[in-house]
């Protein structure tokens, strides 16, 4: 997120013109400078650089390319045509550029477009019905595999510093901390894994205000995803794109932040009273399901964390034993009966 890209979502919801409120299909412009082609090419370049960085961390940064994707998407939606595929690509870029705040902003745009311009929005239905419109948002969440937003959301920085850590590194650090075989433990660290102590040190070095901001942004993103889900359901009913994986990552991140940032004297400001106990003088650790849902963070970083996973309860107890005492940890783990997330976008 080296580049901050901000704008008012309402500017993308206004009619292109009185004669053609949704404008024209941006795919019809085939000139070399066409914004749709620029957006498509920049997205392909950015994704290629991201794959290269996974192999070589010193590879070229895709930040400028994602900024080009965002700029082209803004131009298309405000000047040329209302388009849901363009909107989905814009959301991909905004997550890279502005994290959970970018996700919330992009989803606000999507919800407004679906509710306001559905009848004429591009791409238009074809012989498969609304699949051209719904497919790009299904791709964000994924169906049998991770969607295009899942890993980028897990990489959103949850600490500050020269090398910020994200959710996937937090999960990885917990997993490594429970490896008892010394050779395997050291091999994971030498292959790029981090120690839980290093993650905790990064948390302690991160200002408390940063976590206040992250919690607010995640709550806004959850609301925006829910609003888009409702908007699609109003238009296509049960054919609405799935959103369970997006919600799972957001909720897992929210719960993880509340766990590891508690040591930074974080006072929860998220408007989620059912998950947080409040005291007039201090913050108490969440209990019951709220405290234990973080166990989804113990899963391998290559898989999508979901609240219904409870296979890590033994590791969960080991971690809680170090933070709250075995009796309380056992009692809390036994009380967990998590509900699966809604799978509708």
Foldseek 3Di string as FASTA:
>chain_A
DPAADDDQLVLLLAALDPVHRFADDLVVDPDPPRLVVLLVVLLVVQVVQVVVCVVPVPTDHSLVSLVSNLVSLSCCSNHHGAEQLSLLSNLLSQCLRPNLLSLLSSLLNLLSCLQPPVVDHPPAADPVGCCRNQVSVLQQCDDPAGHSVQLSNQQPFPFDDPDGGGLLLLLQQLLLVPDPPPVVSVVSVVVPHDHNVVNLVRLLVGALVSLQVLLVSLLSSVVSVVSSLVSQCVPVNPVFRWCQLVVFSSLLRNLVCLVSNVVNQHDHPHPPVVLFDDDPVGGDQGAAQSNPLNQLSNDNSRHRRWSQDDPCLVSQLVVVCVPPNNVRSVVRSVRDDDDGGGTGD
